[in-house]
């Protein structure tokens, strides 16, 4: 199990297209019935690919990913730091 929060998948918004599954570089996401689930949380690299490829906007990363060397104080919006 991971010690960080995983991306959230809103089933009320998800269309079940499977784009997140097809594009997950670590295969952490699989379809379970009509909806995707993060079935291997330890494999989730928190790369943001699932959020970027979801055409419905149903996947949200809890933390903001900043580019190396970026100043978190200048990030466009709230940044969660653990």
PDB file of N, CA and C in Angstrom:
ATOM      1  N   UNK A   1       0.842  -1.185   0.000  1.00  0.00           N
ATOM      2  CA  UNK A   1       0.000   0.000   0.000  1.00  0.00           C
ATOM      3  C   UNK A   1       0.885   1.245   0.000  1.00  0.00           C
ATOM      4  N   UNK A   2       0.399   2.299  -0.565  1.00  0.00           N
ATOM      5  CA  UNK A   2       1.161   3.543  -0.647  1.00  0.00           C
ATOM      6  C   UNK A   2       0.980   4.345   0.628  1.00  0.00           C
ATOM      7  N   UNK A   3       1.893   5.255   0.883  1.00  0.00           N
ATOM      8  CA  UNK A   3       1.749   6.139   2.040  1.00  0.00           C
ATOM      9  C   UNK A   3       1.349   7.542   1.593  1.00  0.00           C
ATOM     10  N   UNK A   4       0.824   7.664   0.380  1.00  0.00           N
ATOM     11  CA  UNK A   4       0.321   8.936  -0.128  1.00  0.00           C
ATOM     12  C   UNK A   4      -1.073   8.699  -0.703  1.00  0.00           C
ATOM     13  N   UNK A   5      -1.775   9.787  -0.949  1.00  0.00           N
ATOM     14  CA  UNK A   5      -3.108   9.679  -1.528  1.00  0.00           C
ATOM     15  C   UNK A   5      -2.992   9.424  -3.021  1.00  0.00           C
ATOM     16  N   UNK A   6      -3.845   8.578  -3.520  1.00  0.00           N
ATOM     17  CA  UNK A   6      -3.849   8.227  -4.936  1.00  0.00           C
ATOM     18  C   UNK A   6      -4.781   9.143  -5.713  1.00  0.00           C
ATOM     19  N   UNK A   7      -4.661   9.176  -7.029  1.00  0.00           N
ATOM     20  CA  UNK A   7      -5.623   9.932  -7.835  1.00  0.00           C
ATOM     21  C   UNK A   7      -7.041   9.425  -7.546  1.00  0.00           C
ATOM     22  N   UNK A   8      -8.005  10.322  -7.581  1.00  0.00           N
ATOM     23  CA  UNK A   8      -9.393   9.924  -7.343  1.00  0.00           C
ATOM     24  C   UNK A   8     -10.119   9.801  -8.679  1.00  0.00           C
ATOM     25  N   UNK A   9     -11.019   8.831  -8.762  1.00  0.00           N
ATOM     26  CA  UNK A   9     -11.814   8.608  -9.958  1.00  0.00           C
ATOM     27  C   UNK A   9     -13.272   8.827  -9.586  1.00  0.00           C
ATOM     28  N   UNK A  10     -13.879   9.830 -10.181  1.00  0.00           N
ATOM     29  CA  UNK A  10     -15.274  10.176  -9.904  1.00  0.00           C
ATOM     30  C   UNK A  10     -16.169   9.366 -10.836  1.00  0.00           C
ATOM     31  N   UNK A  11     -16.836   8.351 -10.286  1.00  0.00           N
ATOM     32  CA  UNK A  11     -17.696   7.484 -11.108  1.00  0.00           C
ATOM     33  C   UNK A  11     -18.923   8.216 -11.637  1.00  0.00           C
ATOM     34  N   UNK A  12     -19.297   9.299 -11.001  1.00  0.00           N
ATOM     35  CA  UNK A  12     -20.430  10.081 -11.487  1.00  0.00           C
ATOM     36  C   UNK A  12     -20.112  10.841 -12.764  1.00  0.00           C
ATOM     37  N   UNK A  13     -18.826  11.044 -13.028  1.00  0.00           N
ATOM     38  CA  UNK A  13     -18.377  11.774 -14.216  1.00  0.00           C
ATOM     39  C   UNK A  13     -17.769  10.820 -15.246  1.00  0.00           C
ATOM     40  N   UNK A  14     -17.189   9.725 -14.784  1.00  0.00           N
ATOM     41  CA  UNK A  14     -16.508   8.761 -15.652  1.00  0.00           C
ATOM     42  C   UNK A  14     -17.474   8.167 -16.676  1.00  0.00           C
ATOM     43  N   UNK A  15     -17.001   8.081 -17.921  1.00  0.00           N
ATOM     44  CA  UNK A  15     -17.805   7.481 -18.993  1.00  0.00           C
ATOM     45  C   UNK A  15     -17.427   6.029 -19.245  1.00  0.00           C
ATOM     46  N   UNK A  16     -16.376   5.546 -18.577  1.00  0.00           N
ATOM     47  CA  UNK A  16     -15.939   4.168 -18.763  1.00  0.00           C
ATOM     48  C   UNK A  16     -15.222   3.919 -20.069  1.00  0.00           C
ATOM     49  N   UNK A  17     -14.634   4.963 -20.646  1.00  0.00           N
ATOM     50  CA  UNK A  17     -13.982   4.833 -21.954  1.00  0.00           C
ATOM     51  C   UNK A  17     -12.708   3.989 -21.909  1.00  0.00           C
ATOM     52  N   UNK A  18     -12.033   3.941 -20.758  1.00  0.00           N
ATOM     53  CA  UNK A  18     -10.818   3.140 -20.626  1.00  0.00           C
ATOM     54  C   UNK A  18      -9.543   3.819 -21.074  1.00  0.00           C
ATOM     55  N   UNK A  19      -9.594   5.094 -21.428  1.00  0.00           N
ATOM     56  CA  UNK A  19      -8.375   5.797 -21.854  1.00  0.00           C
ATOM     57  C   UNK A  19      -7.313   5.793 -20.751  1.00  0.00           C
ATOM     58  N   UNK A  20      -7.733   5.940 -19.511  1.00  0.00           N
ATOM     59  CA  UNK A  20      -6.779   5.958 -18.398  1.00  0.00           C
ATOM     60  C   UNK A  20      -6.060   4.611 -18.280  1.00  0.00           C
ATOM     61  N   UNK A  21      -6.797   3.528 -18.514  1.00  0.00           N
ATOM     62  CA  UNK A  21      -6.213   2.187 -18.465  1.00  0.00           C
ATOM     63  C   UNK A  21      -5.207   2.016 -19.598  1.00  0.00           C
ATOM     64  N   UNK A  22      -5.591   2.425 -20.778  1.00  0.00           N
ATOM     65  CA  UNK A  22      -4.731   2.265 -21.951  1.00  0.00           C
ATOM     66  C   UNK A  22      -3.442   3.073 -21.854  1.00  0.00           C
ATOM     67  N   UNK A  23      -3.475   4.198 -21.152  1.00  0.00           N
ATOM     68  CA  UNK A  23      -2.314   5.080 -21.110  1.00  0.00           C
ATOM     69  C   UNK A  23      -1.505   4.999 -19.818  1.00  0.00           C
ATOM     70  N   UNK A  24      -1.961   4.247 -18.834  1.00  0.00           N
ATOM     71  CA  UNK A  24      -1.216   4.149 -17.567  1.00  0.00           C
ATOM     72  C   UNK A  24       0.111   3.442 -17.819  1.00  0.00           C
ATOM     73  N   UNK A  25       1.242   4.125 -17.588  1.00  0.00           N
ATOM     74  CA  UNK A  25       2.540   3.523 -17.907  1.00  0.00           C
ATOM     75  C   UNK A  25       2.940   2.384 -16.975  1.00  0.00           C
ATOM     76  N   UNK A  26       2.302   2.268 -15.816  1.00  0.00           N
ATOM     77  CA  UNK A  26       2.670   1.219 -14.866  1.00  0.00           C
ATOM     78  C   UNK A  26       1.596   0.141 -14.736  1.00  0.00           C
ATOM     79  N   UNK A  27       0.524   0.258 -15.510  1.00  0.00           N
ATOM     80  CA  UNK A  27      -0.604  -0.686 -15.457  1.00  0.00           C
ATOM     81  C   UNK A  27      -1.225  -0.785 -14.072  1.00  0.00           C
ATOM     82  N   UNK A  28      -1.201   0.314 -13.342  1.00  0.00           N
ATOM     83  CA  UNK A  28      -1.816   0.346 -12.010  1.00  0.00           C
ATOM     84  C   UNK A  28      -3.334   0.454 -12.092  1.00  0.00           C
ATOM     85  N   UNK A  29      -3.847   0.903 -13.241  1.00  0.00           N
ATOM     86  CA  UNK A  29      -5.283   1.112 -13.426  1.00  0.00           C
ATOM     87  C   UNK A  29      -5.843   0.013 -14.323  1.00  0.00           C
ATOM     88  N   UNK A  30      -6.969  -0.555 -13.913  1.00  0.00           N
ATOM     89  CA  UNK A  30      -7.665  -1.557 -14.714  1.00  0.00           C
ATOM     90  C   UNK A  30      -9.153  -1.271 -14.668  1.00  0.00           C
ATOM     91  N   UNK A  31      -9.850  -1.769 -15.674  1.00  0.00           N
ATOM     92  CA  UNK A  31     -11.305  -1.685 -15.666  1.00  0.00           C
ATOM     93  C   UNK A  31     -11.833  -2.760 -14.730  1.00  0.00           C
ATOM     94  N   UNK A  32     -12.729  -2.374 -13.859  1.00  0.00           N
ATOM     95  CA  UNK A  32     -13.445  -3.295 -12.974  1.00  0.00           C
ATOM     96  C   UNK A  32     -14.918  -3.055 -13.240  1.00  0.00           C
ATOM     97  N   UNK A  33     -15.487  -3.911 -14.059  1.00  0.00           N
ATOM     98  CA  UNK A  33     -16.854  -3.681 -14.514  1.00  0.00           C
ATOM     99  C   UNK A  33     -16.841  -2.523 -15.498  1.00  0.00           C
ATOM    100  N   UNK A  34     -17.685  -1.551 -15.272  1.00  0.00           N
ATOM    101  CA  UNK A  34     -17.809  -0.412 -16.184  1.00  0.00           C
ATOM    102  C   UNK A  34     -16.865   0.739 -15.860  1.00  0.00           C
ATOM    103  N   UNK A  35     -16.114   0.629 -14.763  1.00  0.00           N
ATOM    104  CA  UNK A  35     -15.301   1.761 -14.313  1.00  0.00           C
ATOM    105  C   UNK A  35     -13.851   1.361 -14.059  1.00  0.00           C
ATOM    106  N   UNK A  36     -12.943   2.312 -14.222  1.00  0.00           N
ATOM    107  CA  UNK A  36     -11.545   2.043 -13.898  1.00  0.00           C
ATOM    108  C   UNK A  36     -11.315   2.141 -12.389  1.00  0.00           C
ATOM    109  N   UNK A  37     -10.345   1.371 -11.919  1.00  0.00           N
ATOM    110  CA  UNK A  37      -9.917   1.434 -10.523  1.00  0.00           C
ATOM    111  C   UNK A  37      -8.404   1.311 -10.480  1.00  0.00           C
ATOM    112  N   UNK A  38      -7.812   1.921  -9.480  1.00  0.00           N
ATOM    113  CA  UNK A  38      -6.378   1.754  -9.263  1.00  0.00           C
ATOM    114  C   UNK A  38      -6.241   0.462  -8.463  1.00  0.00           C
ATOM    115  N   UNK A  39      -5.942  -0.620  -9.168  1.00  0.00           N
ATOM    116  CA  UNK A  39      -5.916  -1.952  -8.561  1.00  0.00           C
ATOM    117  C   UNK A  39      -4.543  -2.317  -7.998  1.00  0.00           C
ATOM    118  N   UNK A  40      -3.523  -1.626  -8.422  1.00  0.00           N
ATOM    119  CA  UNK A  40      -2.174  -1.837  -7.892  1.00  0.00           C
ATOM    120  C   UNK A  40      -1.635  -0.496  -7.402  1.00  0.00           C
ATOM    121  N   UNK A  41      -2.098  -0.041  -6.242  1.00  0.00           N
ATOM    122  CA  UNK A  41      -1.701   1.284  -5.758  1.00  0.00           C
ATOM    123  C   UNK A  41      -0.199   1.441  -5.562  1.00  0.00           C
ATOM    124  N   UNK A  42       0.480   0.365  -5.229  1.00  0.00           N
ATOM    125  CA  UNK A  42       1.930   0.439  -5.066  1.00  0.00           C
ATOM    126  C   UNK A  42       2.668   0.697  -6.360  1.00  0.00           C
ATOM    127  N   UNK A  43       2.012   0.410  -7.488  1.00  0.00           N
ATOM    128  CA  UNK A  43       2.619   0.639  -8.796  1.00  0.00           C
ATOM    129  C   UNK A  43       2.325   2.027  -9.354  1.00  0.00           C
ATOM    130  N   UNK A  44       1.371   2.745  -8.754  1.00  0.00           N
ATOM    131  CA  UNK A  44       1.014   4.081  -9.246  1.00  0.00           C
ATOM    132  C   UNK A  44       2.206   5.017  -9.071  1.00  0.00           C
ATOM    133  N   UNK A  45       2.676   5.574 -10.187  1.00  0.00           N
ATOM    134  CA  UNK A  45       3.825   6.479 -10.177  1.00  0.00           C
ATOM    135  C   UNK A  45       3.404   7.934  -9.961  1.00  0.00           C
ATOM    136  N   UNK A  46       2.095   8.173  -9.852  1.00  0.00           N
ATOM    137  CA  UNK A  46       1.551   9.514  -9.670  1.00  0.00           C
ATOM    138  C   UNK A  46       2.107  10.462 -10.727  1.00  0.00           C
ATOM    139  N   UNK A  47       2.101   9.982 -11.966  1.00  0.00           N
ATOM    140  CA  UNK A  47       2.686  10.742 -13.078  1.00  0.00           C
ATOM    141  C   UNK A  47       1.705  11.735 -13.698  1.00  0.00           C
ATOM    142  N   UNK A  48       0.412  11.515 -13.478  1.00  0.00           N
ATOM    143  CA  UNK A  48      -0.588  12.427 -14.017  1.00  0.00           C
ATOM    144  C   UNK A  48      -1.130  12.029 -15.374  1.00  0.00           C
ATOM    145  N   UNK A  49      -0.641  10.927 -15.934  1.00  0.00           N
ATOM    146  CA  UNK A  49      -1.097  10.506 -17.256  1.00  0.00           C
ATOM    147  C   UNK A  49      -2.591  10.213 -17.263  1.00  0.00           C
ATOM    148  N   UNK A  50      -3.094   9.562 -16.229  1.00  0.00           N
ATOM    149  CA  UNK A  50      -4.523   9.228 -16.187  1.00  0.00           C
ATOM    150  C   UNK A  50      -5.379  10.496 -16.167  1.00  0.00           C
ATOM    151  N   UNK A  51      -4.961  11.478 -15.396  1.00  0.00           N
ATOM    152  CA  UNK A  51      -5.697  12.744 -15.323  1.00  0.00           C
ATOM    153  C   UNK A  51      -5.667  13.466 -16.672  1.00  0.00           C
ATOM    154  N   UNK A  52      -4.504  13.476 -17.303  1.00  0.00           N
ATOM    155  CA  UNK A  52      -4.342  14.165 -18.587  1.00  0.00           C
ATOM    156  C   UNK A  52      -5.131  13.506 -19.709  1.00  0.00           C
ATOM    157  N   UNK A  53      -5.241  12.174 -19.698  1.00  0.00           N
ATOM    158  CA  UNK A  53      -5.891  11.477 -20.803  1.00  0.00           C
ATOM    159  C   UNK A  53      -7.388  11.296 -20.620  1.00  0.00           C
ATOM    160  N   UNK A  54      -7.916  11.571 -19.442  1.00  0.00           N
ATOM    161  CA  UNK A  54      -9.349  11.375 -19.193  1.00  0.00           C
ATOM    162  C   UNK A  54     -10.150  12.473 -19.897  1.00  0.00           C
ATOM    163  N   UNK A  55     -10.909  12.117 -20.936  1.00  0.00           N
ATOM    164  CA  UNK A  55     -11.650  13.138 -21.678  1.00  0.00           C
ATOM    165  C   UNK A  55     -12.820  13.734 -20.885  1.00  0.00           C
ATOM    166  N   UNK A  56     -13.268  13.021 -19.865  1.00  0.00           N
ATOM    167  CA  UNK A  56     -14.409  13.506 -19.070  1.00  0.00           C
ATOM    168  C   UNK A  56     -13.964  14.323 -17.867  1.00  0.00           C
ATOM    169  N   UNK A  57     -12.671  14.318 -17.564  1.00  0.00           N
ATOM    170  CA  UNK A  57     -12.186  15.026 -16.385  1.00  0.00           C
ATOM    171  C   UNK A  57     -12.583  14.328 -15.088  1.00  0.00           C
ATOM    172  N   UNK A  58     -12.721  12.995 -15.133  1.00  0.00           N
ATOM    173  CA  UNK A  58     -13.174  12.236 -13.972  1.00  0.00           C
ATOM    174  C   UNK A  58     -12.048  11.867 -13.012  1.00  0.00           C
ATOM    175  N   UNK A  59     -10.805  12.047 -13.435  1.00  0.00           N
ATOM    176  CA  UNK A  59      -9.668  11.676 -12.596  1.00  0.00           C
ATOM    177  C   UNK A  59      -8.950  12.938 -12.150  1.00  0.00           C
ATOM    178  N   UNK A  60      -8.709  13.008 -10.841  1.00  0.00           N
ATOM    179  CA  UNK A  60      -8.061  14.184 -10.266  1.00  0.00           C
ATOM    180  C   UNK A  60      -6.919  13.736  -9.368  1.00  0.00           C
ATOM    181  N   UNK A  61      -5.767  14.338  -9.568  1.00  0.00           N
ATOM    182  CA  UNK A  61      -4.640  14.098  -8.675  1.00  0.00           C
ATOM    183  C   UNK A  61      -4.791  14.995  -7.458  1.00  0.00           C
ATOM    184  N   UNK A  62      -4.608  14.418  -6.293  1.00  0.00           N
ATOM    185  CA  UNK A  62      -4.792  15.149  -5.041  1.00  0.00           C
ATOM    186  C   UNK A  62      -3.682  16.167  -4.844  1.00  0.00           C
ATOM    187  N   UNK A  63      -2.471  15.798  -5.227  1.00  0.00           N
ATOM    188  CA  UNK A  63      -1.329  16.697  -5.108  1.00  0.00           C
ATOM    189  C   UNK A  63      -1.031  17.306  -6.466  1.00  0.00           C
ATOM    190  N   UNK A  64      -0.463  18.486  -6.467  1.00  0.00           N
ATOM    191  CA  UNK A  64      -0.065  19.136  -7.710  1.00  0.00           C
ATOM    192  C   UNK A  64       1.364  18.728  -8.042  1.00  0.00           C
ATOM    193  N   UNK A  65       1.606  18.396  -9.291  1.00  0.00           N
ATOM    194  CA  UNK A  65       2.945  18.021  -9.732  1.00  0.00           C
ATOM    195  C   UNK A  65       3.638  19.269 -10.244  1.00  0.00           C
ATOM    196  N   UNK A  66       4.800  19.569  -9.679  1.00  0.00           N
ATOM    197  CA  UNK A  66       5.578  20.736 -10.090  1.00  0.00           C
ATOM    198  C   UNK A  66       6.812  20.276 -10.858  1.00  0.00           C
ATOM    199  N   UNK A  67       7.201  21.054 -11.835  1.00  0.00           N
ATOM    200  CA  UNK A  67       8.403  20.757 -12.596  1.00  0.00           C
ATOM    201  C   UNK A  67       9.618  20.887 -11.686  1.00  0.00           C
ATOM    202  N   UNK A  68      10.667  20.101 -11.944  1.00  0.00           N
ATOM    203  CA  UNK A  68      11.876  20.218 -11.133  1.00  0.00           C
ATOM    204  C   UNK A  68      12.378  21.657 -11.111  1.00  0.00           C
ATOM    205  N   UNK A  69      12.700  22.148  -9.944  1.00  0.00           N
ATOM    206  CA  UNK A  69      13.200  23.507  -9.789  1.00  0.00           C
ATOM    207  C   UNK A  69      12.118  24.560  -9.699  1.00  0.00           C
ATOM    208  N   UNK A  70      10.855  24.165  -9.845  1.00  0.00           N
ATOM    209  CA  UNK A  70       9.756  25.137  -9.765  1.00  0.00           C
ATOM    210  C   UNK A  70       9.577  25.609  -8.331  1.00  0.00           C
ATOM    211  N   UNK A  71       9.176  26.843  -8.180  1.00  0.00           N
ATOM    212  CA  UNK A  71       8.935  27.425  -6.861  1.00  0.00           C
ATOM    213  C   UNK A  71       7.480  27.165  -6.477  1.00  0.00           C
ATOM    214  N   UNK A  72       7.220  26.372  -5.428  1.00  0.00           N
ATOM    215  CA  UNK A  72       5.841  26.071  -5.044  1.00  0.00           C
ATOM    216  C   UNK A  72       5.041  27.314  -4.670  1.00  0.00           C
ATOM    217  N   UNK A  73       5.727  28.375  -4.257  1.00  0.00           N
ATOM    218  CA  UNK A  73       5.035  29.619  -3.904  1.00  0.00           C
ATOM    219  C   UNK A  73       4.502  30.346  -5.124  1.00  0.00           C
ATOM    220  N   UNK A  74       5.004  29.987  -6.297  1.00  0.00           N
ATOM    221  CA  UNK A  74       4.546  30.629  -7.531  1.00  0.00           C
ATOM    222  C   UNK A  74       3.651  29.705  -8.347  1.00  0.00           C
ATOM    223  N   UNK A  75       3.239  28.575  -7.759  1.00  0.00           N
ATOM    224  CA  UNK A  75       2.372  27.626  -8.459  1.00  0.00           C
ATOM    225  C   UNK A  75       0.993  28.243  -8.662  1.00  0.00           C
ATOM    226  N   UNK A  76       0.348  27.930  -9.786  1.00  0.00           N
ATOM    227  CA  UNK A  76      -0.965  28.502 -10.095  1.00  0.00           C
ATOM    228  C   UNK A  76      -2.092  27.794  -9.349  1.00  0.00           C
ATOM    229  N   UNK A  77      -2.229  28.059  -8.091  1.00  0.00           N
ATOM    230  CA  UNK A  77      -3.288  27.437  -7.298  1.00  0.00           C
ATOM    231  C   UNK A  77      -2.723  26.781  -6.057  1.00  0.00           C
ATOM    232  N   UNK A  78      -3.571  26.152  -5.275  1.00  0.00           N
ATOM    233  CA  UNK A  78      -3.104  25.553  -4.027  1.00  0.00           C
ATOM    234  C   UNK A  78      -2.204  24.372  -4.284  1.00  0.00           C
ATOM    235  N   UNK A  79      -1.195  24.223  -3.453  1.00  0.00           N
ATOM    236  CA  UNK A  79      -0.277  23.122  -3.520  1.00  0.00           C
ATOM    237  C   UNK A  79      -0.311  22.409  -2.188  1.00  0.00           C
ATOM    238  N   UNK A  80      -0.567  21.101  -2.217  1.00  0.00           N
ATOM    239  CA  UNK A  80      -0.571  20.323  -0.990  1.00  0.00           C
ATOM    240  C   UNK A  80       0.820  19.761  -0.779  1.00  0.00           C
ATOM    241  N   UNK A  81       1.357  19.945   0.390  1.00  0.00           N
ATOM    242  CA  UNK A  81       2.684  19.439   0.707  1.00  0.00           C
ATOM    243  C   UNK A  81       2.542  18.494   1.872  1.00  0.00           C
ATOM    244  N   UNK A  82       3.189  17.382   1.756  1.00  0.00           N
ATOM    245  CA  UNK A  82       3.128  16.378   2.817  1.00  0.00           C
ATOM    246  C   UNK A  82       4.390  16.322   3.574  1.00  0.00           C
TER     247      UNK A  82
END
